[in-house]
Structure formats: C-alpha cells, structure tokens
C-alpha cells in the first residue's frame, strides 16, 4: 500500500484546475497569454491526490489516467466515447 499525503500546499485545496489548449493538446496553469505549461511532476502530484480537473473553454473533465507526462480525459461526443490525450512538460 502506498500512502499519499497532503502537504502544506494542499491545505484547503479541493481540486487543481489546469487548462487544456485544444490547438496544441498541452496543459497550462492559466488561460493568460504568458501561461506556463504544467510539469510532469505537477501532473503526477495532482492526479495522485485525486484532485485534477482539465478545463477546456467552458467544459471541465476529470482525468482518468496519467502516464509519464500524458493525461487522458474522456468525453461523450454524439453517443461515442472519445479519449483526449494532453501533455505536460516532460521531466528533464
């Protein structure tokens, strides 16, 4: 069994919302012009705590899988399940 602990940065945090950009399939920390791509470490940390939400325009998605620097969300489009892959900045 692995235990995942909240640390001081997680106090009173319900969820971490990251922003997906459909044009490049990358995850960012905000919607501003100077937004930074989130890191692989941040992605893994947020997901391991069960608090990761990807927001794209006005829609929000739960992340169902994280592998390395990739996050996967699921959507229902015209009755068909669609999986989208999003990228965080890979660890160096």
N, C-alpha and C. Protein backbone atom coordinates (compact mmCIF):
# COMPACT_ATOMS: atom_id res chain seq x y z
N UNK A 1 0.84 -1.17 0.00
CA UNK A 1 0.00 0.00 0.00
C UNK A 1 0.89 1.24 0.00
N UNK A 2 0.53 2.16 -0.83
CA UNK A 2 1.24 3.44 -0.88
C UNK A 2 0.34 4.50 -0.29
N UNK A 3 0.89 5.33 0.56
CA UNK A 3 0.12 6.43 1.15
C UNK A 3 0.50 7.73 0.48
N UNK A 4 -0.51 8.50 0.13
CA UNK A 4 -0.30 9.81 -0.48
C UNK A 4 -0.78 10.84 0.54
N UNK A 5 0.14 11.70 0.97
CA UNK A 5 -0.17 12.67 2.00
C UNK A 5 -0.33 14.07 1.42
N UNK A 6 -1.26 14.81 1.99
CA UNK A 6 -1.34 16.24 1.69
C UNK A 6 -0.17 16.91 2.37
N UNK A 7 0.34 17.97 1.75
CA UNK A 7 1.36 18.76 2.43
C UNK A 7 0.79 20.16 2.65
N UNK A 8 1.59 21.07 3.17
CA UNK A 8 1.11 22.41 3.49
C UNK A 8 0.51 23.12 2.28
N UNK A 9 1.02 22.85 1.09
CA UNK A 9 0.48 23.48 -0.13
C UNK A 9 -0.93 23.03 -0.45
N UNK A 10 -1.34 21.88 0.11
CA UNK A 10 -2.65 21.32 -0.20
C UNK A 10 -3.74 21.72 0.80
N UNK A 11 -3.37 22.47 1.83
CA UNK A 11 -4.35 22.83 2.86
C UNK A 11 -5.51 23.60 2.22
N UNK A 12 -6.70 23.12 2.45
CA UNK A 12 -7.94 23.72 1.97
C UNK A 12 -8.09 23.69 0.45
N UNK A 13 -7.34 22.84 -0.25
CA UNK A 13 -7.46 22.72 -1.70
C UNK A 13 -8.44 21.58 -2.01
N UNK A 14 -9.48 21.89 -2.78
CA UNK A 14 -10.44 20.87 -3.17
C UNK A 14 -10.03 20.21 -4.47
N UNK A 15 -9.55 21.01 -5.43
CA UNK A 15 -9.15 20.50 -6.74
C UNK A 15 -8.09 21.40 -7.34
N UNK A 16 -7.31 20.83 -8.25
CA UNK A 16 -6.37 21.59 -9.05
C UNK A 16 -6.94 21.65 -10.46
N UNK A 17 -7.23 22.84 -10.94
CA UNK A 17 -7.76 23.02 -12.28
C UNK A 17 -6.61 23.47 -13.18
N UNK A 18 -6.36 22.69 -14.23
CA UNK A 18 -5.37 23.06 -15.23
C UNK A 18 -6.14 23.30 -16.53
N UNK A 19 -5.53 24.02 -17.43
CA UNK A 19 -6.24 24.45 -18.62
C UNK A 19 -5.67 23.79 -19.87
N UNK A 20 -6.53 23.09 -20.58
CA UNK A 20 -6.12 22.43 -21.81
C UNK A 20 -6.30 23.35 -22.99
N UNK A 21 -5.31 23.38 -23.84
CA UNK A 21 -5.38 24.18 -25.06
C UNK A 21 -5.59 23.22 -26.22
N UNK A 22 -6.76 23.27 -26.84
CA UNK A 22 -7.12 22.32 -27.89
C UNK A 22 -6.19 22.40 -29.09
N UNK A 23 -5.64 23.57 -29.37
CA UNK A 23 -4.80 23.73 -30.57
C UNK A 23 -3.47 23.00 -30.47
N UNK A 24 -2.95 22.78 -29.24
CA UNK A 24 -1.67 22.07 -29.11
C UNK A 24 -1.72 20.88 -28.15
N UNK A 25 -2.89 20.61 -27.57
CA UNK A 25 -3.11 19.49 -26.65
C UNK A 25 -2.15 19.50 -25.46
N UNK A 26 -1.83 20.70 -24.98
CA UNK A 26 -0.96 20.84 -23.81
C UNK A 26 -1.75 21.40 -22.65
N UNK A 27 -1.24 21.16 -21.44
CA UNK A 27 -1.88 21.63 -20.21
C UNK A 27 -1.12 22.82 -19.65
N UNK A 28 -1.85 23.87 -19.27
CA UNK A 28 -1.26 25.10 -18.78
C UNK A 28 -1.82 25.47 -17.41
N UNK A 29 -1.09 26.36 -16.73
CA UNK A 29 -1.50 26.78 -15.39
C UNK A 29 -2.55 27.89 -15.38
N UNK A 30 -2.81 28.50 -16.52
CA UNK A 30 -3.83 29.54 -16.62
C UNK A 30 -4.23 29.71 -18.09
N UNK A 31 -5.13 30.63 -18.33
CA UNK A 31 -5.54 30.92 -19.71
C UNK A 31 -4.88 32.19 -20.24
N UNK A 32 -4.01 32.80 -19.45
CA UNK A 32 -3.34 34.03 -19.85
C UNK A 32 -2.37 33.78 -21.01
N UNK A 33 -2.02 34.84 -21.71
CA UNK A 33 -1.06 34.74 -22.83
C UNK A 33 0.28 34.17 -22.39
N UNK A 34 0.72 34.54 -21.18
CA UNK A 34 2.03 34.09 -20.68
C UNK A 34 1.92 32.83 -19.81
N UNK A 35 0.87 32.04 -20.00
CA UNK A 35 0.66 30.83 -19.21
C UNK A 35 1.82 29.86 -19.39
N UNK A 36 2.15 29.16 -18.31
CA UNK A 36 3.23 28.17 -18.34
C UNK A 36 2.63 26.77 -18.43
N UNK A 37 3.29 25.93 -19.21
CA UNK A 37 2.86 24.54 -19.30
C UNK A 37 3.15 23.88 -17.96
N UNK A 38 2.19 23.09 -17.45
CA UNK A 38 2.45 22.43 -16.18
C UNK A 38 3.50 21.34 -16.39
N UNK A 39 4.19 20.99 -15.32
CA UNK A 39 5.26 20.00 -15.42
C UNK A 39 4.73 18.59 -15.18
N UNK A 40 5.51 17.64 -15.59
CA UNK A 40 5.18 16.24 -15.37
C UNK A 40 5.03 15.96 -13.87
N UNK A 41 5.88 16.57 -13.05
CA UNK A 41 5.82 16.38 -11.60
C UNK A 41 4.52 16.92 -11.02
N UNK A 42 4.11 18.11 -11.48
CA UNK A 42 2.84 18.68 -11.02
C UNK A 42 1.68 17.78 -11.43
N UNK A 43 1.70 17.33 -12.67
CA UNK A 43 0.65 16.45 -13.18
C UNK A 43 0.51 15.21 -12.32
N UNK A 44 1.62 14.55 -12.04
CA UNK A 44 1.61 13.33 -11.23
C UNK A 44 1.12 13.61 -9.81
N UNK A 45 1.57 14.72 -9.22
CA UNK A 45 1.18 15.08 -7.86
C UNK A 45 -0.32 15.35 -7.77
N UNK A 46 -0.85 16.16 -8.66
CA UNK A 46 -2.27 16.49 -8.63
C UNK A 46 -3.14 15.25 -8.86
N UNK A 47 -2.73 14.41 -9.81
CA UNK A 47 -3.51 13.20 -10.12
C UNK A 47 -3.47 12.21 -8.96
N UNK A 48 -2.31 12.04 -8.34
CA UNK A 48 -2.19 11.06 -7.25
C UNK A 48 -3.07 11.43 -6.06
N UNK A 49 -3.41 12.69 -5.93
CA UNK A 49 -4.26 13.14 -4.84
C UNK A 49 -5.74 13.16 -5.24
N UNK A 50 -6.03 12.75 -6.48
CA UNK A 50 -7.41 12.66 -6.93
C UNK A 50 -8.07 14.01 -7.09
N UNK A 51 -7.29 15.03 -7.42
CA UNK A 51 -7.83 16.39 -7.45
C UNK A 51 -7.62 17.11 -8.77
N UNK A 52 -7.38 16.40 -9.83
CA UNK A 52 -7.02 17.05 -11.10
C UNK A 52 -8.22 17.19 -12.02
N UNK A 53 -8.46 18.42 -12.47
CA UNK A 53 -9.53 18.72 -13.42
C UNK A 53 -8.91 19.48 -14.58
N UNK A 54 -9.28 19.08 -15.80
CA UNK A 54 -8.83 19.79 -17.00
C UNK A 54 -9.99 20.62 -17.52
N UNK A 55 -9.77 21.91 -17.66
CA UNK A 55 -10.80 22.80 -18.19
C UNK A 55 -10.41 23.23 -19.59
N UNK A 56 -11.33 23.06 -20.53
CA UNK A 56 -11.13 23.47 -21.91
C UNK A 56 -12.33 24.32 -22.29
N UNK A 57 -12.08 25.59 -22.54
CA UNK A 57 -13.15 26.55 -22.82
C UNK A 57 -14.11 26.55 -21.63
N UNK A 58 -15.35 26.16 -21.83
CA UNK A 58 -16.31 26.15 -20.72
C UNK A 58 -16.56 24.75 -20.16
N UNK A 59 -15.95 23.73 -20.74
CA UNK A 59 -16.14 22.36 -20.29
C UNK A 59 -15.03 21.95 -19.32
N UNK A 60 -15.38 21.09 -18.37
CA UNK A 60 -14.41 20.56 -17.42
C UNK A 60 -14.42 19.04 -17.47
N UNK A 61 -13.23 18.44 -17.36
CA UNK A 61 -13.09 16.99 -17.48
C UNK A 61 -12.25 16.44 -16.34
N UNK A 62 -12.65 15.29 -15.83
CA UNK A 62 -11.83 14.57 -14.87
C UNK A 62 -10.76 13.79 -15.64
N UNK A 63 -9.60 13.70 -15.07
CA UNK A 63 -8.52 12.93 -15.69
C UNK A 63 -8.66 11.48 -15.23
N UNK A 64 -8.68 10.55 -16.20
CA UNK A 64 -8.88 9.14 -15.88
C UNK A 64 -7.58 8.34 -15.85
N UNK A 65 -6.52 8.90 -16.43
CA UNK A 65 -5.24 8.18 -16.46
C UNK A 65 -4.12 9.19 -16.65
N UNK A 66 -2.99 8.92 -15.98
CA UNK A 66 -1.77 9.68 -16.19
C UNK A 66 -0.65 8.67 -16.41
N UNK A 67 0.11 8.86 -17.47
CA UNK A 67 1.28 8.02 -17.76
C UNK A 67 2.40 8.93 -18.23
N UNK A 68 3.50 8.93 -17.49
CA UNK A 68 4.63 9.83 -17.77
C UNK A 68 4.11 11.26 -17.79
N UNK A 69 4.26 11.96 -18.91
CA UNK A 69 3.81 13.36 -18.97
C UNK A 69 2.49 13.51 -19.72
N UNK A 70 1.73 12.45 -19.84
CA UNK A 70 0.45 12.47 -20.56
C UNK A 70 -0.72 12.28 -19.59
N UNK A 71 -1.77 13.05 -19.81
CA UNK A 71 -3.01 12.90 -19.06
C UNK A 71 -4.12 12.58 -20.06
N UNK A 72 -5.07 11.79 -19.64
CA UNK A 72 -6.15 11.37 -20.53
C UNK A 72 -7.50 11.72 -19.92
N UNK A 73 -8.35 12.35 -20.73
CA UNK A 73 -9.71 12.67 -20.33
C UNK A 73 -10.68 11.97 -21.27
N UNK A 74 -11.90 11.78 -20.80
CA UNK A 74 -12.93 11.09 -21.58
C UNK A 74 -14.11 12.03 -21.76
N UNK A 75 -14.70 11.99 -22.95
CA UNK A 75 -15.88 12.80 -23.25
C UNK A 75 -16.85 11.93 -24.06
N UNK A 76 -18.09 12.31 -24.05
CA UNK A 76 -19.10 11.64 -24.85
C UNK A 76 -19.50 12.59 -25.97
N UNK A 77 -19.20 12.19 -27.21
CA UNK A 77 -19.47 13.03 -28.38
C UNK A 77 -20.44 12.27 -29.28
N UNK A 78 -21.64 12.78 -29.42
CA UNK A 78 -22.68 12.16 -30.26
C UNK A 78 -22.85 10.67 -29.95
N UNK A 79 -22.86 10.34 -28.66
CA UNK A 79 -23.07 8.96 -28.24
C UNK A 79 -21.85 8.07 -28.32
N UNK A 80 -20.70 8.63 -28.69
CA UNK A 80 -19.47 7.86 -28.79
C UNK A 80 -18.46 8.38 -27.77
N UNK A 81 -17.82 7.46 -27.07
CA UNK A 81 -16.80 7.84 -26.09
C UNK A 81 -15.54 8.29 -26.82
N UNK A 82 -15.02 9.43 -26.42
CA UNK A 82 -13.83 9.99 -27.04
C UNK A 82 -12.77 10.23 -25.96
N UNK A 83 -11.56 9.73 -26.18
CA UNK A 83 -10.45 9.92 -25.24
C UNK A 83 -9.52 10.98 -25.83
N UNK A 84 -9.14 11.94 -24.99
CA UNK A 84 -8.22 13.00 -25.43
C UNK A 84 -6.94 12.91 -24.61
N UNK A 85 -5.82 13.01 -25.29
CA UNK A 85 -4.51 12.98 -24.63
C UNK A 85 -3.99 14.40 -24.51
N UNK A 86 -3.54 14.76 -23.31
CA UNK A 86 -2.99 16.08 -23.02
C UNK A 86 -1.55 15.91 -22.56
N UNK A 87 -0.71 16.90 -22.84
CA UNK A 87 0.71 16.80 -22.49
C UNK A 87 1.11 17.85 -21.46
N UNK A 88 1.90 17.39 -20.49
CA UNK A 88 2.58 18.29 -19.56
C UNK A 88 4.03 18.38 -20.03
N UNK A 89 4.77 19.32 -19.50
CA UNK A 89 6.18 19.45 -19.85
C UNK A 89 6.93 18.26 -19.27
N UNK A 90 7.61 17.50 -20.13
CA UNK A 90 8.29 16.28 -19.71
C UNK A 90 9.43 16.59 -18.73
N UNK A 91 9.65 15.66 -17.81
CA UNK A 91 10.75 15.79 -16.86
C UNK A 91 12.08 15.73 -17.61
N UNK A 92 13.02 16.49 -17.14
CA UNK A 92 14.32 16.53 -17.80
C UNK A 92 15.26 15.50 -17.25
